[in-house]
Amino acid sequence: MINSKKTYKEYLKSDAIALGLDASSFKFKLKNTFFPDFIWSFQKTLRQLEYYNNCKNKGLNKLYFYYLKYKFRKISLKLGFSIPINIFGPGLSIVHYGTIVINNATKIGKNCRIHACVNIGASGGEKEAPQLGDNVYIGPGAKIYGNIKIANNTAIGANAVVNKSFLEENTAIAGVPAKVIGKVD
């Protein structure tokens, strides 16, 4: 969770690396001025909103927080993302535009790579939502729901329906309902 200016900058740097961007270079900034990368804009706004929500939410900063909230909502609708703040650890990589819906009780560790048409949420009116570890790959169309835990270093296959916990690390899971189909390293 972003709790200082230092961690905010670390999250941005990790996100840029995960997306394969050199966000600090002049060439990238010039290109992004004329041909904006909307996913990078979304992720920057997400991290900035988290920073202002967690660290600078008093006085005049509150007004800027509401501006960021408006900007975040606008770009979220444009890209089809419904992602609350303070869900992802550093190193988030959203690969494509498209529908991504995530419950606000979900927690996802660092270095998550997520594709389009993913839904992560609670089940049957429960308040608890999935808790995913570090280095998790979520394939396109995956549905993950319920009070479950997914271990570190897990790959979730395309169109998988994950409704139970997988506590063994370094596994690939897929299918409807999901089951372990192999090992990953």
N, C-alpha and C. Protein backbone atom coordinates (compact mmCIF):
# COMPACT_ATOMS: atom_id res chain seq x y z
N MET A 1 0.84 -1.18 0.00
CA MET A 1 0.00 0.00 0.00
C MET A 1 0.89 1.24 0.00
N ILE A 2 0.49 2.22 -0.76
CA ILE A 2 1.24 3.46 -0.84
C ILE A 2 0.99 4.26 0.44
N ASN A 3 2.09 4.53 1.17
CA ASN A 3 1.94 5.28 2.42
C ASN A 3 2.94 6.41 2.55
N SER A 4 3.68 6.71 1.48
CA SER A 4 4.61 7.83 1.48
C SER A 4 4.94 8.19 0.03
N LYS A 5 5.57 9.36 -0.15
CA LYS A 5 5.99 9.79 -1.48
C LYS A 5 6.99 8.79 -2.07
N LYS A 6 7.85 8.24 -1.21
CA LYS A 6 8.86 7.27 -1.66
C LYS A 6 8.20 6.01 -2.22
N THR A 7 7.24 5.44 -1.49
CA THR A 7 6.57 4.22 -1.98
C THR A 7 5.73 4.52 -3.23
N TYR A 8 5.17 5.73 -3.31
CA TYR A 8 4.43 6.14 -4.51
C TYR A 8 5.34 6.08 -5.74
N LYS A 9 6.54 6.63 -5.61
CA LYS A 9 7.49 6.63 -6.74
C LYS A 9 7.96 5.21 -7.05
N GLU A 10 8.14 4.38 -6.02
CA GLU A 10 8.53 2.98 -6.25
C GLU A 10 7.44 2.23 -6.99
N TYR A 11 6.17 2.46 -6.63
CA TYR A 11 5.06 1.80 -7.32
C TYR A 11 5.02 2.22 -8.79
N LEU A 12 5.18 3.52 -9.06
CA LEU A 12 5.17 4.00 -10.45
C LEU A 12 6.31 3.38 -11.25
N LYS A 13 7.48 3.32 -10.66
CA LYS A 13 8.64 2.75 -11.34
C LYS A 13 8.41 1.26 -11.63
N SER A 14 7.89 0.53 -10.64
CA SER A 14 7.61 -0.90 -10.82
C SER A 14 6.55 -1.13 -11.89
N ASP A 15 5.52 -0.29 -11.91
CA ASP A 15 4.46 -0.42 -12.92
C ASP A 15 5.01 -0.16 -14.32
N ALA A 16 5.86 0.85 -14.46
CA ALA A 16 6.45 1.16 -15.77
C ALA A 16 7.32 0.00 -16.24
N ILE A 17 8.10 -0.58 -15.35
CA ILE A 17 8.94 -1.73 -15.72
C ILE A 17 8.06 -2.91 -16.13
N ALA A 18 6.98 -3.15 -15.39
CA ALA A 18 6.08 -4.27 -15.70
C ALA A 18 5.42 -4.09 -17.07
N LEU A 19 5.17 -2.85 -17.45
CA LEU A 19 4.57 -2.57 -18.75
C LEU A 19 5.61 -2.49 -19.87
N GLY A 20 6.88 -2.56 -19.50
CA GLY A 20 7.94 -2.49 -20.49
C GLY A 20 8.17 -1.08 -21.01
N LEU A 21 7.93 -0.08 -20.17
CA LEU A 21 8.07 1.32 -20.58
C LEU A 21 9.28 1.95 -19.90
N ASP A 22 9.92 2.87 -20.61
CA ASP A 22 10.96 3.70 -20.00
C ASP A 22 10.34 5.07 -19.80
N ALA A 23 9.47 5.18 -18.79
CA ALA A 23 8.64 6.36 -18.58
C ALA A 23 9.44 7.62 -18.26
N SER A 24 10.69 7.48 -17.88
CA SER A 24 11.49 8.66 -17.53
C SER A 24 12.25 9.23 -18.73
N SER A 25 12.26 8.52 -19.86
CA SER A 25 13.03 8.99 -21.02
C SER A 25 12.29 10.11 -21.76
N PHE A 26 13.07 10.99 -22.35
CA PHE A 26 12.51 12.09 -23.13
C PHE A 26 11.73 11.56 -24.33
N LYS A 27 12.26 10.53 -24.98
CA LYS A 27 11.60 9.94 -26.15
C LYS A 27 10.20 9.44 -25.80
N PHE A 28 10.08 8.73 -24.66
CA PHE A 28 8.76 8.23 -24.25
C PHE A 28 7.81 9.38 -23.97
N LYS A 29 8.29 10.40 -23.24
CA LYS A 29 7.44 11.54 -22.90
C LYS A 29 6.96 12.27 -24.15
N LEU A 30 7.85 12.44 -25.12
CA LEU A 30 7.47 13.10 -26.37
C LEU A 30 6.43 12.27 -27.13
N LYS A 31 6.69 10.99 -27.25
CA LYS A 31 5.75 10.09 -27.95
C LYS A 31 4.41 10.07 -27.23
N ASN A 32 4.44 10.02 -25.90
CA ASN A 32 3.20 9.95 -25.11
C ASN A 32 2.40 11.24 -25.19
N THR A 33 3.05 12.35 -25.51
CA THR A 33 2.35 13.62 -25.69
C THR A 33 1.45 13.57 -26.92
N PHE A 34 1.96 13.00 -28.01
CA PHE A 34 1.21 12.97 -29.27
C PHE A 34 0.38 11.69 -29.44
N PHE A 35 0.86 10.59 -28.90
CA PHE A 35 0.16 9.30 -28.99
C PHE A 35 0.08 8.70 -27.59
N PRO A 36 -0.87 9.16 -26.78
CA PRO A 36 -0.91 8.73 -25.38
C PRO A 36 -1.17 7.24 -25.22
N ASP A 37 -0.50 6.67 -24.25
CA ASP A 37 -0.70 5.28 -23.84
C ASP A 37 -1.75 5.33 -22.72
N PHE A 38 -2.98 4.99 -23.04
CA PHE A 38 -4.07 5.16 -22.09
C PHE A 38 -3.96 4.23 -20.89
N ILE A 39 -3.41 3.06 -21.07
CA ILE A 39 -3.25 2.15 -19.93
C ILE A 39 -2.23 2.73 -18.95
N TRP A 40 -1.13 3.29 -19.47
CA TRP A 40 -0.15 3.93 -18.59
C TRP A 40 -0.78 5.14 -17.89
N SER A 41 -1.60 5.90 -18.60
CA SER A 41 -2.29 7.04 -17.98
C SER A 41 -3.22 6.56 -16.87
N PHE A 42 -3.92 5.45 -17.13
CA PHE A 42 -4.80 4.89 -16.11
C PHE A 42 -4.00 4.48 -14.87
N GLN A 43 -2.91 3.76 -15.08
CA GLN A 43 -2.13 3.26 -13.95
C GLN A 43 -1.47 4.40 -13.18
N LYS A 44 -1.00 5.44 -13.88
CA LYS A 44 -0.44 6.60 -13.19
C LYS A 44 -1.51 7.29 -12.34
N THR A 45 -2.69 7.45 -12.90
CA THR A 45 -3.78 8.09 -12.17
C THR A 45 -4.20 7.23 -10.98
N LEU A 46 -4.26 5.91 -11.15
CA LEU A 46 -4.58 5.00 -10.06
C LEU A 46 -3.60 5.18 -8.91
N ARG A 47 -2.31 5.17 -9.21
CA ARG A 47 -1.29 5.32 -8.16
C ARG A 47 -1.33 6.70 -7.52
N GLN A 48 -1.58 7.73 -8.32
CA GLN A 48 -1.67 9.08 -7.77
C GLN A 48 -2.88 9.20 -6.85
N LEU A 49 -3.99 8.62 -7.25
CA LEU A 49 -5.20 8.64 -6.42
C LEU A 49 -4.97 7.88 -5.11
N GLU A 50 -4.27 6.74 -5.19
CA GLU A 50 -3.95 6.00 -3.97
C GLU A 50 -3.08 6.85 -3.04
N TYR A 51 -2.08 7.53 -3.61
CA TYR A 51 -1.19 8.37 -2.81
C TYR A 51 -1.97 9.48 -2.11
N TYR A 52 -2.81 10.18 -2.85
CA TYR A 52 -3.58 11.28 -2.26
C TYR A 52 -4.63 10.77 -1.28
N ASN A 53 -5.19 9.61 -1.52
CA ASN A 53 -6.17 9.04 -0.59
C ASN A 53 -5.50 8.62 0.72
N ASN A 54 -4.33 8.01 0.63
CA ASN A 54 -3.67 7.46 1.81
C ASN A 54 -2.82 8.46 2.57
N CYS A 55 -2.26 9.46 1.87
CA CYS A 55 -1.27 10.33 2.51
C CYS A 55 -1.66 11.81 2.56
N LYS A 56 -2.36 12.30 1.58
CA LYS A 56 -2.61 13.74 1.48
C LYS A 56 -4.10 14.00 1.29
N ASN A 57 -4.89 13.70 2.29
CA ASN A 57 -6.33 13.85 2.12
C ASN A 57 -6.93 14.92 3.04
N LYS A 58 -6.16 16.00 3.30
CA LYS A 58 -6.65 17.09 4.14
C LYS A 58 -6.44 18.42 3.44
N GLY A 59 -7.23 19.41 3.81
CA GLY A 59 -7.08 20.77 3.29
C GLY A 59 -7.29 20.87 1.80
N LEU A 60 -6.43 21.66 1.15
CA LEU A 60 -6.54 21.87 -0.30
C LEU A 60 -6.25 20.60 -1.09
N ASN A 61 -5.47 19.70 -0.49
CA ASN A 61 -5.20 18.43 -1.17
C ASN A 61 -6.47 17.62 -1.38
N LYS A 62 -7.48 17.85 -0.53
CA LYS A 62 -8.76 17.16 -0.67
C LYS A 62 -9.43 17.54 -2.00
N LEU A 63 -9.30 18.81 -2.38
CA LEU A 63 -9.87 19.26 -3.66
C LEU A 63 -9.17 18.55 -4.82
N TYR A 64 -7.85 18.46 -4.75
CA TYR A 64 -7.10 17.78 -5.80
C TYR A 64 -7.46 16.29 -5.83
N PHE A 65 -7.69 15.73 -4.66
CA PHE A 65 -8.11 14.33 -4.57
C PHE A 65 -9.42 14.13 -5.33
N TYR A 66 -10.37 15.03 -5.18
CA TYR A 66 -11.64 14.91 -5.90
C TYR A 66 -11.46 15.09 -7.41
N TYR A 67 -10.54 15.96 -7.81
CA TYR A 67 -10.23 16.09 -9.23
C TYR A 67 -9.66 14.78 -9.77
N LEU A 68 -8.72 14.19 -9.04
CA LEU A 68 -8.13 12.91 -9.45
C LEU A 68 -9.19 11.82 -9.52
N LYS A 69 -10.11 11.83 -8.58
CA LYS A 69 -11.19 10.84 -8.57
C LYS A 69 -12.05 10.97 -9.84
N TYR A 70 -12.34 12.22 -10.22
CA TYR A 70 -13.10 12.48 -11.44
C TYR A 70 -12.32 11.98 -12.67
N LYS A 71 -11.03 12.34 -12.73
CA LYS A 71 -10.18 11.93 -13.85
C LYS A 71 -10.07 10.41 -13.93
N PHE A 72 -9.92 9.77 -12.78
CA PHE A 72 -9.81 8.31 -12.71
C PHE A 72 -11.10 7.65 -13.20
N ARG A 73 -12.23 8.17 -12.77
CA ARG A 73 -13.52 7.61 -13.20
C ARG A 73 -13.69 7.75 -14.71
N LYS A 74 -13.30 8.89 -15.23
CA LYS A 74 -13.44 9.16 -16.66
C LYS A 74 -12.60 8.19 -17.50
N ILE A 75 -11.34 8.00 -17.13
CA ILE A 75 -10.47 7.10 -17.89
C ILE A 75 -10.87 5.64 -17.66
N SER A 76 -11.39 5.32 -16.46
CA SER A 76 -11.87 3.96 -16.19
C SER A 76 -13.02 3.60 -17.11
N LEU A 77 -13.96 4.50 -17.28
CA LEU A 77 -15.10 4.26 -18.17
C LEU A 77 -14.64 4.13 -19.62
N LYS A 78 -13.67 4.94 -20.01
CA LYS A 78 -13.16 4.90 -21.38
C LYS A 78 -12.52 3.54 -21.71
N LEU A 79 -11.78 3.00 -20.74
CA LEU A 79 -11.06 1.74 -20.97
C LEU A 79 -11.86 0.50 -20.60
N GLY A 80 -12.94 0.67 -19.84
CA GLY A 80 -13.75 -0.48 -19.43
C GLY A 80 -13.28 -1.13 -18.14
N PHE A 81 -12.51 -0.39 -17.33
CA PHE A 81 -11.98 -0.93 -16.08
C PHE A 81 -12.83 -0.50 -14.90
N SER A 82 -13.11 -1.43 -14.01
CA SER A 82 -13.74 -1.11 -12.73
C SER A 82 -12.80 -1.65 -11.65
N ILE A 83 -11.77 -0.86 -11.37
CA ILE A 83 -10.72 -1.26 -10.45
C ILE A 83 -10.65 -0.25 -9.32
N PRO A 84 -10.96 -0.65 -8.09
CA PRO A 84 -10.86 0.27 -6.96
C PRO A 84 -9.40 0.53 -6.58
N ILE A 85 -9.18 1.56 -5.77
CA ILE A 85 -7.82 1.87 -5.34
C ILE A 85 -7.40 0.93 -4.21
N ASN A 86 -6.10 0.85 -4.00
CA ASN A 86 -5.48 0.06 -2.93
C ASN A 86 -5.75 -1.44 -3.04
N ILE A 87 -5.79 -1.95 -4.25
CA ILE A 87 -6.00 -3.38 -4.50
C ILE A 87 -4.68 -4.05 -4.86
N PHE A 88 -3.94 -3.44 -5.77
CA PHE A 88 -2.75 -4.05 -6.34
C PHE A 88 -1.47 -3.58 -5.66
N GLY A 89 -0.51 -4.50 -5.54
CA GLY A 89 0.83 -4.14 -5.10
C GLY A 89 1.59 -3.54 -6.27
N PRO A 90 2.88 -3.24 -6.08
CA PRO A 90 3.67 -2.66 -7.17
C PRO A 90 3.88 -3.65 -8.31
N GLY A 91 4.13 -3.13 -9.50
CA GLY A 91 4.41 -3.99 -10.65
C GLY A 91 3.17 -4.44 -11.39
N LEU A 92 2.10 -3.67 -11.33
CA LEU A 92 0.86 -4.01 -12.04
C LEU A 92 1.07 -3.85 -13.53
N SER A 93 0.60 -4.82 -14.31
CA SER A 93 0.67 -4.75 -15.76
C SER A 93 -0.70 -5.13 -16.33
N ILE A 94 -1.43 -4.12 -16.78
CA ILE A 94 -2.70 -4.36 -17.47
C ILE A 94 -2.36 -4.41 -18.95
N VAL A 95 -2.66 -5.52 -19.59
CA VAL A 95 -2.15 -5.77 -20.93
C VAL A 95 -3.00 -5.13 -22.03
N HIS A 96 -4.33 -5.17 -21.91
CA HIS A 96 -5.20 -4.68 -22.98
C HIS A 96 -6.34 -3.86 -22.41
N TYR A 97 -6.94 -3.06 -23.28
CA TYR A 97 -8.21 -2.42 -22.94
C TYR A 97 -9.24 -3.53 -22.84
N GLY A 98 -10.32 -3.27 -22.17
CA GLY A 98 -11.41 -4.23 -22.09
C GLY A 98 -11.92 -4.35 -20.67
N THR A 99 -12.99 -5.03 -20.52
CA THR A 99 -13.64 -5.11 -19.23
C THR A 99 -12.79 -5.83 -18.19
N ILE A 100 -12.51 -5.14 -17.10
CA ILE A 100 -11.88 -5.73 -15.93
C ILE A 100 -12.67 -5.23 -14.72
N VAL A 101 -13.27 -6.17 -13.99
CA VAL A 101 -14.08 -5.81 -12.82
C VAL A 101 -13.47 -6.47 -11.60
N ILE A 102 -13.18 -5.66 -10.57
CA ILE A 102 -12.54 -6.18 -9.36
C ILE A 102 -13.28 -5.65 -8.14
N ASN A 103 -13.59 -6.55 -7.21
CA ASN A 103 -14.25 -6.20 -5.96
C ASN A 103 -13.29 -5.39 -5.08
N ASN A 104 -13.84 -4.43 -4.32
CA ASN A 104 -12.97 -3.58 -3.50
C ASN A 104 -12.39 -4.28 -2.27
N ALA A 105 -12.82 -5.49 -1.95
CA ALA A 105 -12.25 -6.25 -0.83
C ALA A 105 -11.10 -7.16 -1.28
N THR A 106 -10.86 -7.22 -2.57
CA THR A 106 -9.79 -8.06 -3.12
C THR A 106 -8.43 -7.45 -2.80
N LYS A 107 -7.45 -8.30 -2.57
CA LYS A 107 -6.06 -7.86 -2.40
C LYS A 107 -5.19 -8.70 -3.32
N ILE A 108 -4.32 -8.02 -4.08
CA ILE A 108 -3.45 -8.69 -5.03
C ILE A 108 -2.03 -8.20 -4.79
N GLY A 109 -1.09 -9.12 -4.70
CA GLY A 109 0.30 -8.80 -4.40
C GLY A 109 1.02 -8.12 -5.54
N LYS A 110 2.35 -8.09 -5.43
CA LYS A 110 3.16 -7.41 -6.43
C LYS A 110 3.30 -8.23 -7.71
N ASN A 111 3.60 -7.51 -8.78
CA ASN A 111 3.88 -8.11 -10.09
C ASN A 111 2.73 -8.95 -10.63
N CYS A 112 1.56 -8.35 -10.69
CA CYS A 112 0.40 -9.01 -11.28
C CYS A 112 0.26 -8.59 -12.74
N ARG A 113 0.05 -9.56 -13.61
CA ARG A 113 -0.22 -9.29 -15.03
C ARG A 113 -1.65 -9.74 -15.29
N ILE A 114 -2.46 -8.80 -15.75
CA ILE A 114 -3.89 -9.08 -15.90
C ILE A 114 -4.35 -8.72 -17.31
N HIS A 115 -5.16 -9.60 -17.88
CA HIS A 115 -5.68 -9.40 -19.24
C HIS A 115 -7.14 -8.94 -19.21
N ALA A 116 -7.70 -8.74 -20.38
CA ALA A 116 -9.06 -8.23 -20.53
C ALA A 116 -10.12 -9.28 -20.15
N CYS A 117 -11.30 -8.80 -19.85
CA CYS A 117 -12.48 -9.62 -19.54
C CYS A 117 -12.30 -10.45 -18.28
N VAL A 118 -11.56 -9.93 -17.31
CA VAL A 118 -11.34 -10.61 -16.04
C VAL A 118 -12.33 -10.07 -15.02
N ASN A 119 -12.87 -10.97 -14.21
CA ASN A 119 -13.78 -10.59 -13.14
C ASN A 119 -13.29 -11.23 -11.85
N ILE A 120 -13.02 -10.41 -10.84
CA ILE A 120 -12.58 -10.90 -9.53
C ILE A 120 -13.52 -10.33 -8.49
N GLY A 121 -14.27 -11.21 -7.79
CA GLY A 121 -15.26 -10.68 -6.87
C GLY A 121 -15.68 -11.63 -5.78
N ALA A 122 -16.63 -11.15 -5.00
CA ALA A 122 -17.19 -11.93 -3.91
C ALA A 122 -18.21 -12.93 -4.47
N SER A 123 -18.69 -13.79 -3.61
CA SER A 123 -19.62 -14.82 -4.03
C SER A 123 -20.87 -14.79 -3.17
N GLY A 124 -22.02 -14.74 -3.79
CA GLY A 124 -23.29 -14.89 -3.10
C GLY A 124 -23.53 -13.92 -1.96
N GLY A 125 -23.15 -12.66 -2.11
CA GLY A 125 -23.41 -11.66 -1.09
C GLY A 125 -22.39 -11.63 0.04
N GLU A 126 -21.35 -12.45 -0.04
CA GLU A 126 -20.30 -12.42 0.98
C GLU A 126 -19.51 -11.12 0.88
N LYS A 127 -18.91 -10.71 2.00
CA LYS A 127 -18.06 -9.52 1.98
C LYS A 127 -16.63 -9.87 1.59
N GLU A 128 -16.20 -11.10 1.87
CA GLU A 128 -14.84 -11.51 1.57
C GLU A 128 -14.67 -11.75 0.07
N ALA A 129 -13.48 -11.37 -0.41
CA ALA A 129 -13.17 -11.53 -1.82
C ALA A 129 -11.80 -12.22 -1.94
N PRO A 130 -11.42 -12.63 -3.13
CA PRO A 130 -10.15 -13.35 -3.30
C PRO A 130 -8.93 -12.56 -2.84
N GLN A 131 -7.95 -13.28 -2.34
CA GLN A 131 -6.65 -12.74 -1.95
C GLN A 131 -5.61 -13.44 -2.81
N LEU A 132 -4.96 -12.70 -3.68
CA LEU A 132 -3.99 -13.28 -4.60
C LEU A 132 -2.58 -12.88 -4.18
N GLY A 133 -1.63 -13.81 -4.30
CA GLY A 133 -0.25 -13.56 -3.90
C GLY A 133 0.54 -12.76 -4.92
N ASP A 134 1.84 -12.81 -4.78
CA ASP A 134 2.76 -12.10 -5.67
C ASP A 134 2.98 -12.91 -6.95
N ASN A 135 3.34 -12.20 -8.01
CA ASN A 135 3.71 -12.80 -9.29
C ASN A 135 2.60 -13.69 -9.85
N VAL A 136 1.41 -13.13 -9.93
CA VAL A 136 0.26 -13.88 -10.44
C VAL A 136 -0.06 -13.39 -11.85
N TYR A 137 -0.21 -14.34 -12.76
CA TYR A 137 -0.63 -14.06 -14.14
C TYR A 137 -2.09 -14.45 -14.24
N ILE A 138 -2.92 -13.53 -14.74
CA ILE A 138 -4.36 -13.81 -14.90
C ILE A 138 -4.69 -13.70 -16.38
N GLY A 139 -5.03 -14.82 -16.99
CA GLY A 139 -5.31 -14.88 -18.42
C GLY A 139 -6.64 -14.21 -18.78
N PRO A 140 -6.85 -13.95 -20.06
CA PRO A 140 -8.07 -13.30 -20.52
C PRO A 140 -9.32 -14.11 -20.16
N GLY A 141 -10.33 -13.42 -19.70
CA GLY A 141 -11.62 -14.04 -19.42
C GLY A 141 -11.70 -14.82 -18.12
N ALA A 142 -10.67 -14.79 -17.30
CA ALA A 142 -10.71 -15.55 -16.04
C ALA A 142 -11.73 -14.96 -15.08
N LYS A 143 -12.41 -15.83 -14.36
CA LYS A 143 -13.37 -15.44 -13.33
C LYS A 143 -12.89 -16.03 -12.02
N ILE A 144 -12.64 -15.16 -11.04
CA ILE A 144 -12.11 -15.58 -9.74
C ILE A 144 -13.05 -15.01 -8.69
N TYR A 145 -13.67 -15.90 -7.90
CA TYR A 145 -14.64 -15.38 -6.94
C TYR A 145 -14.69 -16.21 -5.67
N GLY A 146 -15.19 -15.56 -4.62
CA GLY A 146 -15.36 -16.23 -3.33
C GLY A 146 -14.26 -15.87 -2.35
N ASN A 147 -14.39 -16.37 -1.15
CA ASN A 147 -13.42 -16.15 -0.08
C ASN A 147 -12.29 -17.17 -0.26
N ILE A 148 -11.39 -16.89 -1.22
CA ILE A 148 -10.34 -17.85 -1.57
C ILE A 148 -8.98 -17.17 -1.54
N LYS A 149 -7.95 -18.00 -1.53
CA LYS A 149 -6.57 -17.52 -1.59
C LYS A 149 -5.85 -18.22 -2.74
N ILE A 150 -5.07 -17.45 -3.47
CA ILE A 150 -4.25 -17.97 -4.56
C ILE A 150 -2.79 -17.71 -4.17
N ALA A 151 -1.96 -18.75 -4.24
CA ALA A 151 -0.57 -18.65 -3.80
C ALA A 151 0.28 -17.80 -4.75
N ASN A 152 1.48 -17.49 -4.30
CA ASN A 152 2.45 -16.77 -5.12
C ASN A 152 2.83 -17.59 -6.34
N ASN A 153 3.26 -16.89 -7.39
CA ASN A 153 3.78 -17.53 -8.61
C ASN A 153 2.78 -18.49 -9.24
N THR A 154 1.57 -18.00 -9.41
CA THR A 154 0.50 -18.81 -10.00
C THR A 154 0.09 -18.22 -11.34
N ALA A 155 -0.11 -19.07 -12.32
CA ALA A 155 -0.64 -18.65 -13.62
C ALA A 155 -2.07 -19.17 -13.73
N ILE A 156 -3.01 -18.27 -13.98
CA ILE A 156 -4.41 -18.63 -14.12
C ILE A 156 -4.75 -18.55 -15.61
N GLY A 157 -5.17 -19.65 -16.18
CA GLY A 157 -5.39 -19.75 -17.61
C GLY A 157 -6.58 -18.96 -18.11
N ALA A 158 -6.63 -18.80 -19.41
CA ALA A 158 -7.73 -18.09 -20.07
C ALA A 158 -9.06 -18.78 -19.80
N ASN A 159 -10.06 -17.99 -19.49
CA ASN A 159 -11.43 -18.43 -19.24
C ASN A 159 -11.57 -19.40 -18.08
N ALA A 160 -10.60 -19.43 -17.18
CA ALA A 160 -10.69 -20.29 -16.00
C ALA A 160 -11.74 -19.74 -15.04
N VAL A 161 -12.41 -20.63 -14.34
CA VAL A 161 -13.36 -20.24 -13.29
C VAL A 161 -12.77 -20.76 -11.98
N VAL A 162 -12.24 -19.83 -11.18
CA VAL A 162 -11.56 -20.19 -9.94
C VAL A 162 -12.49 -19.88 -8.77
N ASN A 163 -12.97 -20.95 -8.10
CA ASN A 163 -13.89 -20.76 -6.98
C ASN A 163 -13.43 -21.47 -5.72
N LYS A 164 -12.17 -21.91 -5.71
CA LYS A 164 -11.60 -22.52 -4.50
C LYS A 164 -10.15 -22.11 -4.38
N SER A 165 -9.60 -22.22 -3.18
CA SER A 165 -8.23 -21.80 -2.92
C SER A 165 -7.21 -22.75 -3.54
N PHE A 166 -6.09 -22.18 -3.97
CA PHE A 166 -4.95 -22.94 -4.46
C PHE A 166 -3.74 -22.42 -3.70
N LEU A 167 -3.28 -23.19 -2.72
CA LEU A 167 -2.24 -22.73 -1.81
C LEU A 167 -0.84 -23.20 -2.19
N GLU A 168 -0.73 -24.05 -3.21
CA GLU A 168 0.58 -24.51 -3.65
C GLU A 168 1.17 -23.51 -4.63
N GLU A 169 2.41 -23.09 -4.36
CA GLU A 169 3.08 -22.11 -5.22
C GLU A 169 3.59 -22.75 -6.50
N ASN A 170 3.90 -21.88 -7.47
CA ASN A 170 4.49 -22.29 -8.75
C ASN A 170 3.61 -23.27 -9.52
N THR A 171 2.32 -22.95 -9.61
CA THR A 171 1.40 -23.81 -10.34
C THR A 171 0.69 -23.05 -11.45
N ALA A 172 0.21 -23.80 -12.41
CA ALA A 172 -0.66 -23.27 -13.46
C ALA A 172 -2.02 -23.89 -13.23
N ILE A 173 -3.04 -23.04 -13.19
CA ILE A 173 -4.40 -23.55 -13.00
C ILE A 173 -5.27 -23.10 -14.16
N ALA A 174 -6.21 -23.94 -14.55
CA ALA A 174 -7.11 -23.62 -15.66
C ALA A 174 -8.31 -24.54 -15.60
N GLY A 175 -9.31 -24.22 -16.38
CA GLY A 175 -10.49 -25.07 -16.50
C GLY A 175 -11.70 -24.50 -15.82
N VAL A 176 -12.82 -25.21 -16.00
CA VAL A 176 -14.10 -24.84 -15.40
C VAL A 176 -14.64 -26.05 -14.69
N PRO A 177 -14.63 -26.14 -13.38
CA PRO A 177 -13.92 -25.25 -12.44
C PRO A 177 -12.41 -25.50 -12.53
N ALA A 178 -11.65 -24.53 -12.05
CA ALA A 178 -10.20 -24.58 -12.18
C ALA A 178 -9.57 -25.72 -11.40
N LYS A 179 -8.51 -26.27 -11.95
CA LYS A 179 -7.71 -27.29 -11.27
C LYS A 179 -6.26 -27.11 -11.70
N VAL A 180 -5.35 -27.67 -10.93
CA VAL A 180 -3.94 -27.56 -11.26
C VAL A 180 -3.65 -28.38 -12.51
N ILE A 181 -3.02 -27.73 -13.49
CA ILE A 181 -2.72 -28.43 -14.74
C ILE A 181 -1.21 -28.57 -14.97
N GLY A 182 -0.42 -27.94 -14.11
CA GLY A 182 1.02 -28.05 -14.29
C GLY A 182 1.79 -27.16 -13.35
N LYS A 183 3.09 -27.14 -13.55
CA LYS A 183 4.00 -26.32 -12.74
C LYS A 183 4.54 -25.18 -13.59
N VAL A 184 4.86 -24.07 -12.95
CA VAL A 184 5.53 -22.94 -13.62
C VAL A 184 6.74 -22.57 -12.79
N ASP A 185 7.74 -21.97 -13.43
CA ASP A 185 8.89 -21.52 -12.65
C ASP A 185 9.19 -20.07 -12.94
